[in-house]
Amino acid sequence: MLFAFLLQPLCVAATRGADHRYSIHTSGLNSSVYVNMLYFANLVNQYATDFTLVTLPSEGGPSNMISVNDGRASFGTSTAESVKEAYDGTGEFQGRAQRRIRHVASFGFSLMFIYAHPDSNIQSISDLKGRKIVYGGGTGSALLGKQILDVYGITSDVTAVRGDTDKARDALEKKEIDAVFSIARLPVPAYSEMVKRQTLKIIPLEISCDRRGATDSTFTPNIAATSPERLFVTPRA
């Protein structure tokens, strides 16, 4: 059902291209999004007769939406939260609404991993107050991470920056930062390896958190599900 839903707009788009090659801008080379879209493009290309899909790495959701909106990419991937901000012209896109994007399909849920060094005395999200964290990867980690910190009322008390997830893991091992927020899909070999080497400690999310109207169903222990990834395209004129 997913592939049939995707193929229809892809075939329509193919009739409009000069070289019949259509790019999907994804995320970093080591990201699960890039790998998933590689598999998807390869599957489509096995059956397509008049066009070719090309999966390309990128800086992530925000740049993908700008590239699609400006016509530099045929398709792009991003989280639902990012797409909404881009279309509405809010958040990171304040005053720069990207209205020439359209949702094509959702293709799976990701998980938010929040972890610290095992030697750290950080035991909960509340303990991040006054600490330095990195939102690893694309804008989805930053958006969801900020929402979590806001629920706990410590957003302004945390030094948070966006950065490359691999570099953030290295910085965590060296104790240069205190925690990492990162969105990924299971399995994540890098996390399995860190657990094996005892260089990672998952920070749990308290179920009984009731700040700002949050209920027991808002979070699950250890990991939190984010919205599904979206595949979007420039609408036809």
C-alpha atoms as a PDB file:
ATOM      1  CA  MET A   1       0.000   0.000   0.000  1.00  0.00           C
ATOM      2  CA  LEU A   2       2.792   2.398   0.847  1.00  0.00           C
ATOM      3  CA  PHE A   3       4.712   1.834  -2.357  1.00  0.00           C
ATOM      4  CA  ALA A   4       1.593   2.039  -4.522  1.00  0.00           C
ATOM      5  CA  PHE A   5       0.708   5.321  -2.873  1.00  0.00           C
ATOM      6  CA  LEU A   6       4.179   6.684  -3.532  1.00  0.00           C
ATOM      7  CA  LEU A   7       4.493   5.424  -7.069  1.00  0.00           C
ATOM      8  CA  GLN A   8       1.489   7.280  -8.389  1.00  0.00           C
ATOM      9  CA  PRO A   9       2.832  10.803  -7.791  1.00  0.00           C
ATOM     10  CA  LEU A  10       6.316   9.689  -8.779  1.00  0.00           C
ATOM     11  CA  CYS A  11       5.059   8.497 -12.162  1.00  0.00           C
ATOM     12  CA  VAL A  12       3.171  11.730 -12.675  1.00  0.00           C
ATOM     13  CA  ALA A  13       6.293  13.709 -11.861  1.00  0.00           C
ATOM     14  CA  ALA A  14       8.375  11.623 -14.242  1.00  0.00           C
ATOM     15  CA  THR A  15       6.464  12.846 -17.275  1.00  0.00           C
ATOM     16  CA  ARG A  16       7.604  16.385 -16.573  1.00  0.00           C
ATOM     17  CA  GLY A  17      11.367  15.928 -16.345  1.00  0.00           C
ATOM     18  CA  ALA A  18      13.867  16.494 -19.128  1.00  0.00           C
ATOM     19  CA  ASP A  19      16.189  13.630 -18.164  1.00  0.00           C
ATOM     20  CA  HIS A  20      13.612  11.596 -16.204  1.00  0.00           C
ATOM     21  CA  ARG A  21      15.827  11.531 -13.107  1.00  0.00           C
ATOM     22  CA  TYR A  22      14.263  12.586  -9.819  1.00  0.00           C
ATOM     23  CA  SER A  23      16.158  13.227  -6.625  1.00  0.00           C
ATOM     24  CA  ILE A  24      15.121  12.405  -3.055  1.00  0.00           C
ATOM     25  CA  HIS A  25      16.965  14.572  -0.539  1.00  0.00           C
ATOM     26  CA  THR A  26      17.220  12.721   2.763  1.00  0.00           C
ATOM     27  CA  SER A  27      19.741  13.216   5.593  1.00  0.00           C
ATOM     28  CA  GLY A  28      23.358  12.362   6.457  1.00  0.00           C
ATOM     29  CA  LEU A  29      25.155   9.406   4.868  1.00  0.00           C
ATOM     30  CA  ASN A  30      25.061   7.457   8.142  1.00  0.00           C
ATOM     31  CA  SER A  31      21.394   8.160   8.831  1.00  0.00           C
ATOM     32  CA  SER A  32      18.656   5.537   8.750  1.00  0.00           C
ATOM     33  CA  VAL A  33      16.580   7.867   6.550  1.00  0.00           C
ATOM     34  CA  TYR A  34      19.251   7.897   3.845  1.00  0.00           C
ATOM     35  CA  VAL A  35      19.603   4.107   3.964  1.00  0.00           C
ATOM     36  CA  ASN A  36      15.834   3.544   3.913  1.00  0.00           C
ATOM     37  CA  MET A  37      15.406   5.800   0.909  1.00  0.00           C
ATOM     38  CA  LEU A  38      18.252   4.030  -0.874  1.00  0.00           C
ATOM     39  CA  TYR A  39      16.345   0.762  -0.510  1.00  0.00           C
ATOM     40  CA  PHE A  40      13.130   2.450  -1.599  1.00  0.00           C
ATOM     41  CA  ALA A  41      14.690   4.045  -4.693  1.00  0.00           C
ATOM     42  CA  ASN A  42      16.345   0.770  -5.666  1.00  0.00           C
ATOM     43  CA  LEU A  43      13.018  -1.042  -5.398  1.00  0.00           C
ATOM     44  CA  VAL A  44      11.201   1.569  -7.494  1.00  0.00           C
ATOM     45  CA  ASN A  45      13.958   1.622 -10.115  1.00  0.00           C
ATOM     46  CA  GLN A  46      13.630  -2.140 -10.604  1.00  0.00           C
ATOM     47  CA  TYR A  47      10.122  -1.631 -12.001  1.00  0.00           C
ATOM     48  CA  ALA A  48      10.102   1.934 -13.362  1.00  0.00           C
ATOM     49  CA  THR A  49      10.507   2.139 -17.139  1.00  0.00           C
ATOM     50  CA  ASP A  50      10.501   5.867 -17.859  1.00  0.00           C
ATOM     51  CA  PHE A  51      12.220   7.491 -14.882  1.00  0.00           C
ATOM     52  CA  THR A  52      14.918   6.936 -12.260  1.00  0.00           C
ATOM     53  CA  LEU A  53      14.961   7.847  -8.578  1.00  0.00           C
ATOM     54  CA  VAL A  54      18.238   9.059  -7.118  1.00  0.00           C
ATOM     55  CA  THR A  55      18.713   9.181  -3.338  1.00  0.00           C
ATOM     56  CA  LEU A  56      21.024  11.946  -2.126  1.00  0.00           C
ATOM     57  CA  PRO A  57      22.393  12.811   1.326  1.00  0.00           C
ATOM     58  CA  SER A  58      21.615  16.253   2.701  1.00  0.00           C
ATOM     59  CA  GLU A  59      21.719  18.382   5.823  1.00  0.00           C
ATOM     60  CA  GLY A  60      18.281  17.125   6.845  1.00  0.00           C
ATOM     61  CA  GLY A  61      14.646  18.198   6.978  1.00  0.00           C
ATOM     62  CA  PRO A  62      14.882  22.013   6.853  1.00  0.00           C
ATOM     63  CA  SER A  63      17.274  22.066   3.906  1.00  0.00           C
ATOM     64  CA  ASN A  64      15.181  19.399   2.169  1.00  0.00           C
ATOM     65  CA  MET A  65      12.042  21.508   2.392  1.00  0.00           C
ATOM     66  CA  ILE A  66      13.831  24.565   1.075  1.00  0.00           C
ATOM     67  CA  SER A  67      15.323  22.539  -1.783  1.00  0.00           C
ATOM     68  CA  VAL A  68      11.930  21.092  -2.726  1.00  0.00           C
ATOM     69  CA  ASN A  69      10.181  24.444  -2.330  1.00  0.00           C
ATOM     70  CA  ASP A  70      12.768  26.112  -4.601  1.00  0.00           C
ATOM     71  CA  GLY A  71      12.712  23.310  -7.165  1.00  0.00           C
ATOM     72  CA  ARG A  72      16.258  22.046  -6.535  1.00  0.00           C
ATOM     73  CA  ALA A  73      14.999  18.642  -5.330  1.00  0.00           C
ATOM     74  CA  SER A  74      12.141  16.528  -6.633  1.00  0.00           C
ATOM     75  CA  PHE A  75      11.327  15.004  -3.243  1.00  0.00           C
ATOM     76  CA  GLY A  76      12.489  15.393   0.331  1.00  0.00           C
ATOM     77  CA  THR A  77      12.097  13.758   3.718  1.00  0.00           C
ATOM     78  CA  SER A  78      11.437  15.355   7.077  1.00  0.00           C
ATOM     79  CA  THR A  79       9.551  14.831  10.322  1.00  0.00           C
ATOM     80  CA  ALA A  80       5.913  15.856  10.593  1.00  0.00           C
ATOM     81  CA  GLU A  81       6.806  18.607  13.081  1.00  0.00           C
ATOM     82  CA  SER A  82       9.321  20.141  10.670  1.00  0.00           C
ATOM     83  CA  VAL A  83       6.948  20.026   7.725  1.00  0.00           C
ATOM     84  CA  LYS A  84       4.270  21.835   9.715  1.00  0.00           C
ATOM     85  CA  GLU A  85       6.683  24.570  10.816  1.00  0.00           C
ATOM     86  CA  ALA A  86       7.928  25.019   7.257  1.00  0.00           C
ATOM     87  CA  TYR A  87       4.465  25.232   5.742  1.00  0.00           C
ATOM     88  CA  ASP A  88       3.139  27.565   8.454  1.00  0.00           C
ATOM     89  CA  GLY A  89       6.262  29.748   8.494  1.00  0.00           C
ATOM     90  CA  THR A  90       6.834  29.261  12.228  1.00  0.00           C
ATOM     91  CA  GLY A  91       9.743  28.119  14.421  1.00  0.00           C
ATOM     92  CA  GLU A  92      12.906  27.769  12.377  1.00  0.00           C
ATOM     93  CA  PHE A  93      10.968  29.027   9.342  1.00  0.00           C
ATOM     94  CA  GLN A  94       9.572  32.125  11.040  1.00  0.00           C
ATOM     95  CA  GLY A  95       8.515  34.508   8.280  1.00  0.00           C
ATOM     96  CA  ARG A  96       9.762  32.099   5.569  1.00  0.00           C
ATOM     97  CA  ALA A  97       6.798  29.839   4.854  1.00  0.00           C
ATOM     98  CA  GLN A  98       7.562  27.051   2.390  1.00  0.00           C
ATOM     99  CA  ARG A  99       4.184  26.783   0.667  1.00  0.00           C
ATOM    100  CA  ARG A 100       5.309  24.880  -2.433  1.00  0.00           C
ATOM    101  CA  ILE A 101       5.571  21.543  -0.645  1.00  0.00           C
ATOM    102  CA  ARG A 102       2.982  18.764  -0.500  1.00  0.00           C
ATOM    103  CA  HIS A 103       2.801  15.632   1.640  1.00  0.00           C
ATOM    104  CA  VAL A 104       3.153  12.448  -0.390  1.00  0.00           C
ATOM    105  CA  ALA A 105       3.366   9.726   2.258  1.00  0.00           C
ATOM    106  CA  SER A 106       4.390   8.750   5.772  1.00  0.00           C
ATOM    107  CA  PHE A 107       6.882   5.919   5.967  1.00  0.00           C
ATOM    108  CA  GLY A 108       7.496   4.876   9.529  1.00  0.00           C
ATOM    109  CA  PHE A 109       8.005   6.056  13.062  1.00  0.00           C
ATOM    110  CA  SER A 110      11.304   6.976  14.657  1.00  0.00           C
ATOM    111  CA  LEU A 111      12.296   6.927  18.308  1.00  0.00           C
ATOM    112  CA  MET A 112      13.877   9.632  20.413  1.00  0.00           C
ATOM    113  CA  PHE A 113      16.889   8.367  22.331  1.00  0.00           C
ATOM    114  CA  ILE A 114      18.104  10.463  25.267  1.00  0.00           C
ATOM    115  CA  TYR A 115      21.333   9.307  26.823  1.00  0.00           C
ATOM    116  CA  ALA A 116      24.232  10.398  29.023  1.00  0.00           C
ATOM    117  CA  HIS A 117      27.644   9.011  29.974  1.00  0.00           C
ATOM    118  CA  PRO A 118      27.282   6.033  32.357  1.00  0.00           C
ATOM    119  CA  ASP A 119      29.523   7.767  34.916  1.00  0.00           C
ATOM    120  CA  SER A 120      27.232  10.788  34.968  1.00  0.00           C
ATOM    121  CA  ASN A 121      24.997  11.536  37.942  1.00  0.00           C
ATOM    122  CA  ILE A 122      22.176  12.397  35.531  1.00  0.00           C
ATOM    123  CA  GLN A 123      19.260  10.095  36.332  1.00  0.00           C
ATOM    124  CA  SER A 124      16.294  11.955  34.842  1.00  0.00           C
ATOM    125  CA  ILE A 125      15.389  14.732  32.439  1.00  0.00           C
ATOM    126  CA  SER A 126      15.149  17.146  35.370  1.00  0.00           C
ATOM    127  CA  ASP A 127      18.841  16.527  36.090  1.00  0.00           C
ATOM    128  CA  LEU A 128      19.735  18.144  32.755  1.00  0.00           C
ATOM    129  CA  LYS A 129      19.176  21.568  34.281  1.00  0.00           C
ATOM    130  CA  GLY A 130      22.393  23.554  33.923  1.00  0.00           C
ATOM    131  CA  ARG A 131      23.909  20.927  31.602  1.00  0.00           C
ATOM    132  CA  LYS A 132      25.130  20.961  28.007  1.00  0.00           C
ATOM    133  CA  ILE A 133      23.318  18.777  25.483  1.00  0.00           C
ATOM    134  CA  VAL A 134      23.431  18.160  21.750  1.00  0.00           C
ATOM    135  CA  TYR A 135      20.451  17.553  19.490  1.00  0.00           C
ATOM    136  CA  GLY A 136      21.961  15.025  17.119  1.00  0.00           C
ATOM    137  CA  GLY A 137      21.076  14.823  13.453  1.00  0.00           C
ATOM    138  CA  GLY A 138      18.268  16.724  11.760  1.00  0.00           C
ATOM    139  CA  THR A 139      15.729  19.199  12.985  1.00  0.00           C
ATOM    140  CA  GLY A 140      13.387  16.503  14.327  1.00  0.00           C
ATOM    141  CA  SER A 141      15.653  15.863  17.323  1.00  0.00           C
ATOM    142  CA  ALA A 142      15.752  19.562  18.135  1.00  0.00           C
ATOM    143  CA  LEU A 143      12.005  20.060  17.790  1.00  0.00           C
ATOM    144  CA  LEU A 144      11.015  17.078  19.910  1.00  0.00           C
ATOM    145  CA  GLY A 145      13.872  17.653  22.339  1.00  0.00           C
ATOM    146  CA  LYS A 146      12.770  21.225  22.983  1.00  0.00           C
ATOM    147  CA  GLN A 147       9.209  20.029  23.544  1.00  0.00           C
ATOM    148  CA  ILE A 148      10.405  17.526  26.142  1.00  0.00           C
ATOM    149  CA  LEU A 149      12.538  20.111  27.951  1.00  0.00           C
ATOM    150  CA  ASP A 150       9.627  22.548  27.851  1.00  0.00           C
ATOM    151  CA  VAL A 151       7.328  19.989  29.497  1.00  0.00           C
ATOM    152  CA  TYR A 152       9.861  19.708  32.312  1.00  0.00           C
ATOM    153  CA  GLY A 153      10.188  23.495  32.484  1.00  0.00           C
ATOM    154  CA  ILE A 154      13.972  23.565  32.022  1.00  0.00           C
ATOM    155  CA  THR A 155      14.378  24.700  28.401  1.00  0.00           C
ATOM    156  CA  SER A 156      15.993  28.006  29.344  1.00  0.00           C
ATOM    157  CA  ASP A 157      18.261  26.289  31.890  1.00  0.00           C
ATOM    158  CA  VAL A 158      19.877  23.911  29.409  1.00  0.00           C
ATOM    159  CA  THR A 159      22.647  24.773  26.957  1.00  0.00           C
ATOM    160  CA  ALA A 160      21.518  22.997  23.796  1.00  0.00           C
ATOM    161  CA  VAL A 161      22.987  22.995  20.302  1.00  0.00           C
ATOM    162  CA  ARG A 162      22.365  21.008  17.144  1.00  0.00           C
ATOM    163  CA  GLY A 163      25.185  18.877  15.808  1.00  0.00           C
ATOM    164  CA  ASP A 164      26.311  15.741  14.040  1.00  0.00           C
ATOM    165  CA  THR A 165      25.215  12.637  15.973  1.00  0.00           C
ATOM    166  CA  ASP A 166      28.496  10.755  15.520  1.00  0.00           C
ATOM    167  CA  LYS A 167      30.504  13.730  16.767  1.00  0.00           C
ATOM    168  CA  ALA A 168      28.086  14.131  19.664  1.00  0.00           C
ATOM    169  CA  ARG A 169      28.657  10.511  20.699  1.00  0.00           C
ATOM    170  CA  ASP A 170      32.415  11.073  20.642  1.00  0.00           C
ATOM    171  CA  ALA A 171      32.024  14.238  22.707  1.00  0.00           C
ATOM    172  CA  LEU A 172      29.881  12.338  25.200  1.00  0.00           C
ATOM    173  CA  GLU A 173      32.514   9.619  25.575  1.00  0.00           C
ATOM    174  CA  LYS A 174      35.102  12.331  26.289  1.00  0.00           C
ATOM    175  CA  LYS A 175      32.655  13.935  28.734  1.00  0.00           C
ATOM    176  CA  GLU A 176      32.750  17.214  26.788  1.00  0.00           C
ATOM    177  CA  ILE A 177      28.937  17.301  26.819  1.00  0.00           C
ATOM    178  CA  ASP A 178      26.399  15.893  29.264  1.00  0.00           C
ATOM    179  CA  ALA A 179      23.716  14.289  27.094  1.00  0.00           C
ATOM    180  CA  VAL A 180      22.560  13.601  23.545  1.00  0.00           C
ATOM    181  CA  PHE A 181      19.052  13.734  22.099  1.00  0.00           C
ATOM    182  CA  SER A 182      18.854  11.773  18.867  1.00  0.00           C
ATOM    183  CA  ILE A 183      16.077  10.367  16.684  1.00  0.00           C
ATOM    184  CA  ALA A 184      16.665   7.037  14.978  1.00  0.00           C
ATOM    185  CA  ARG A 185      14.960   3.836  13.907  1.00  0.00           C
ATOM    186  CA  LEU A 186      15.680   0.450  15.422  1.00  0.00           C
ATOM    187  CA  PRO A 187      18.009  -1.291  15.215  1.00  0.00           C
ATOM    188  CA  VAL A 188      20.802   1.214  15.848  1.00  0.00           C
ATOM    189  CA  PRO A 189      24.151  -0.632  15.743  1.00  0.00           C
ATOM    190  CA  ALA A 190      26.017   2.354  17.146  1.00  0.00           C
ATOM    191  CA  TYR A 191      23.891   2.337  20.306  1.00  0.00           C
ATOM    192  CA  SER A 192      24.245  -1.421  20.703  1.00  0.00           C
ATOM    193  CA  GLU A 193      28.001  -1.018  20.527  1.00  0.00           C
ATOM    194  CA  MET A 194      27.982   1.816  23.068  1.00  0.00           C
ATOM    195  CA  VAL A 195      25.931  -0.267  25.477  1.00  0.00           C
ATOM    196  CA  LYS A 196      28.338  -3.175  25.014  1.00  0.00           C
ATOM    197  CA  ARG A 197      31.289  -0.893  25.774  1.00  0.00           C
ATOM    198  CA  GLN A 198      29.334   0.681  28.640  1.00  0.00           C
ATOM    199  CA  THR A 199      29.651   4.207  27.250  1.00  0.00           C
ATOM    200  CA  LEU A 200      25.932   4.993  27.200  1.00  0.00           C
ATOM    201  CA  LYS A 201      23.189   5.367  29.796  1.00  0.00           C
ATOM    202  CA  ILE A 202      19.599   5.905  28.667  1.00  0.00           C
ATOM    203  CA  ILE A 203      17.824   8.714  30.540  1.00  0.00           C
ATOM    204  CA  PRO A 204      14.239   7.675  31.335  1.00  0.00           C
ATOM    205  CA  LEU A 205      11.170   9.836  30.905  1.00  0.00           C
ATOM    206  CA  GLU A 206       8.988   9.781  34.007  1.00  0.00           C
ATOM    207  CA  ILE A 207       5.525   8.428  33.174  1.00  0.00           C
ATOM    208  CA  SER A 208       3.878  10.427  35.945  1.00  0.00           C
ATOM    209  CA  CYS A 209       5.002  13.761  34.501  1.00  0.00           C
ATOM    210  CA  ASP A 210       2.004  16.118  34.687  1.00  0.00           C
ATOM    211  CA  ARG A 211       3.635  19.446  33.903  1.00  0.00           C
ATOM    212  CA  ARG A 212       1.791  21.732  31.511  1.00  0.00           C
ATOM    213  CA  GLY A 213      -1.068  19.289  31.188  1.00  0.00           C
ATOM    214  CA  ALA A 214       1.031  16.288  30.220  1.00  0.00           C
ATOM    215  CA  THR A 215      -0.634  13.012  31.132  1.00  0.00           C
ATOM    216  CA  ASP A 216       0.596   9.498  31.800  1.00  0.00           C
ATOM    217  CA  SER A 217       0.233   8.689  28.097  1.00  0.00           C
ATOM    218  CA  THR A 218       2.494  11.535  26.969  1.00  0.00           C
ATOM    219  CA  PHE A 219       5.751   9.637  27.394  1.00  0.00           C
ATOM    220  CA  THR A 220       6.990   6.089  27.649  1.00  0.00           C
ATOM    221  CA  PRO A 221      10.016   5.066  29.706  1.00  0.00           C
ATOM    222  CA  ASN A 222      13.459   5.433  28.116  1.00  0.00           C
ATOM    223  CA  ILE A 223      12.353   6.380  24.623  1.00  0.00           C
ATOM    224  CA  ALA A 224       9.652   8.568  23.127  1.00  0.00           C
ATOM    225  CA  ALA A 225       8.062   8.098  19.719  1.00  0.00           C
ATOM    226  CA  THR A 226       8.132  11.051  17.382  1.00  0.00           C
ATOM    227  CA  SER A 227       5.845  11.660  14.437  1.00  0.00           C
ATOM    228  CA  PRO A 228       6.336   9.682  11.239  1.00  0.00           C
ATOM    229  CA  GLU A 229       8.781  10.772   8.596  1.00  0.00           C
ATOM    230  CA  ARG A 230       7.130  12.530   5.680  1.00  0.00           C
ATOM    231  CA  LEU A 231       7.980  12.344   2.004  1.00  0.00           C
ATOM    232  CA  PHE A 232       6.996  15.538   0.246  1.00  0.00           C
ATOM    233  CA  VAL A 233       7.119  16.990  -3.247  1.00  0.00           C
ATOM    234  CA  THR A 234       6.662  20.300  -5.065  1.00  0.00           C
ATOM    235  CA  PRO A 235       3.004  20.529  -6.194  1.00  0.00           C
ATOM    236  CA  ARG A 236       2.165  20.771  -9.850  1.00  0.00           C
ATOM    237  CA  ALA A 237       1.277  24.225 -11.121  1.00  0.00           C
END
